[in-house]
Amino acid sequence: MSAATPKKPACLSAAPADVMLSKEELAPKLRVSVRTIENWQRKRYLPFIKVANVVIFYWPTVLAHLQTHFSVSPRGVVSPNANGKVTP
């Protein structure tokens, strides 16, 4: 009997249908409000693409950016990386 491979949470999968996301689609994936997405976008915490008045997020890039620039502290609070800043 072989050990079962743990499944990735649904929010970490990058199925082709949900690679490009709007703010409204990204918010539930990150378990935050649309307003929080807008705030993070303004602060450049999230990478995004803007064409005219349309803003889209490329999920693999967003996920990689968050994993690179943010870490979970021992108390479970998301904090900036070691240099104290988030670089765009």
Protein backbone atom coordinates (compact mmCIF):
# COMPACT_ATOMS: atom_id res chain seq x y z
CA MET A 1 0.00 0.00 0.00
CA SER A 2 1.51 3.32 -1.04
CA ALA A 3 1.20 6.62 0.76
CA ALA A 4 -1.32 9.00 -0.75
CA THR A 5 0.04 12.22 -2.21
CA PRO A 6 -1.50 15.23 -0.47
CA LYS A 7 -3.76 17.28 -2.71
CA LYS A 8 -3.17 20.98 -3.24
CA PRO A 9 -5.92 23.28 -1.98
CA ALA A 10 -8.27 24.44 -4.74
CA CYS A 11 -6.99 28.02 -4.39
CA LEU A 12 -3.48 26.88 -5.38
CA SER A 13 -4.45 25.18 -8.61
CA ALA A 14 -3.93 27.00 -11.89
CA ALA A 15 -6.48 25.44 -14.18
CA PRO A 16 -6.58 27.12 -17.62
CA ALA A 17 -10.11 28.42 -17.06
CA ASP A 18 -9.09 30.53 -14.05
CA VAL A 19 -5.62 31.78 -14.94
CA MET A 20 -6.72 35.33 -15.82
CA LEU A 21 -8.89 36.80 -13.08
CA SER A 22 -10.83 39.97 -12.39
CA LYS A 23 -10.78 41.63 -8.95
CA GLU A 24 -14.11 39.99 -8.20
CA GLU A 25 -12.74 36.54 -9.10
CA LEU A 26 -9.42 37.03 -7.27
CA ALA A 27 -10.92 38.19 -3.96
CA PRO A 28 -12.53 34.84 -2.99
CA LYS A 29 -9.37 32.93 -4.03
CA LEU A 30 -7.38 35.00 -1.53
CA ARG A 31 -10.29 35.05 0.97
CA VAL A 32 -10.44 38.85 1.13
CA SER A 33 -12.87 41.53 -0.05
CA VAL A 34 -12.75 43.25 -3.44
CA ARG A 35 -11.90 46.47 -1.59
CA THR A 36 -8.85 44.76 -0.06
CA ILE A 37 -7.76 43.69 -3.56
CA GLU A 38 -8.07 47.32 -4.67
CA ASN A 39 -6.02 48.50 -1.67
CA TRP A 40 -3.32 45.90 -2.30
CA GLN A 41 -3.31 46.84 -5.98
CA ARG A 42 -2.84 50.53 -5.12
CA LYS A 43 0.01 49.65 -2.70
CA ARG A 44 1.55 47.41 -5.41
CA TYR A 45 1.27 44.30 -3.22
CA LEU A 46 -0.27 42.45 -6.17
CA PRO A 47 1.00 42.32 -9.75
CA PHE A 48 -1.70 43.19 -12.28
CA ILE A 49 -2.24 44.02 -15.93
CA LYS A 50 -4.25 47.09 -16.88
CA VAL A 51 -5.53 47.71 -20.38
CA ALA A 52 -7.66 50.84 -20.70
CA ASN A 53 -10.04 50.53 -17.71
CA VAL A 54 -9.79 46.74 -17.42
CA VAL A 55 -7.66 45.23 -14.65
CA ILE A 56 -6.75 41.56 -14.75
CA PHE A 57 -4.58 39.37 -12.57
CA TYR A 58 -2.56 36.41 -13.82
CA TRP A 59 -3.04 33.84 -11.04
CA PRO A 60 0.36 32.05 -11.27
CA THR A 61 2.16 35.41 -11.09
CA VAL A 62 0.04 36.64 -8.17
CA LEU A 63 0.66 33.43 -6.25
CA ALA A 64 4.42 33.48 -6.95
CA HIS A 65 4.64 37.16 -5.98
CA LEU A 66 2.86 36.60 -2.65
CA GLN A 67 5.01 33.57 -1.85
CA THR A 68 8.20 35.48 -2.67
CA HIS A 69 7.44 38.79 -0.96
CA PHE A 70 5.37 37.76 2.05
CA SER A 71 5.80 35.16 4.73
CA VAL A 72 3.74 33.91 7.62
CA SER A 73 5.03 34.92 11.02
CA PRO A 74 4.77 32.62 14.04
CA ARG A 75 1.50 34.30 15.03
CA GLY A 76 -0.01 33.72 11.59
CA VAL A 77 0.11 37.35 10.44
CA VAL A 78 1.27 38.10 6.89
CA SER A 79 4.26 40.42 6.98
CA PRO A 80 6.65 41.99 4.45
CA ASN A 81 9.87 40.20 3.56
CA ALA A 82 13.16 40.55 5.50
CA ASN A 83 14.05 44.02 4.18
CA GLY A 84 10.75 45.40 5.52
CA LYS A 85 9.36 46.41 2.13
CA VAL A 86 7.33 44.98 -0.67
CA THR A 87 9.00 45.66 -3.98
CA PRO A 88 6.74 45.94 -7.06
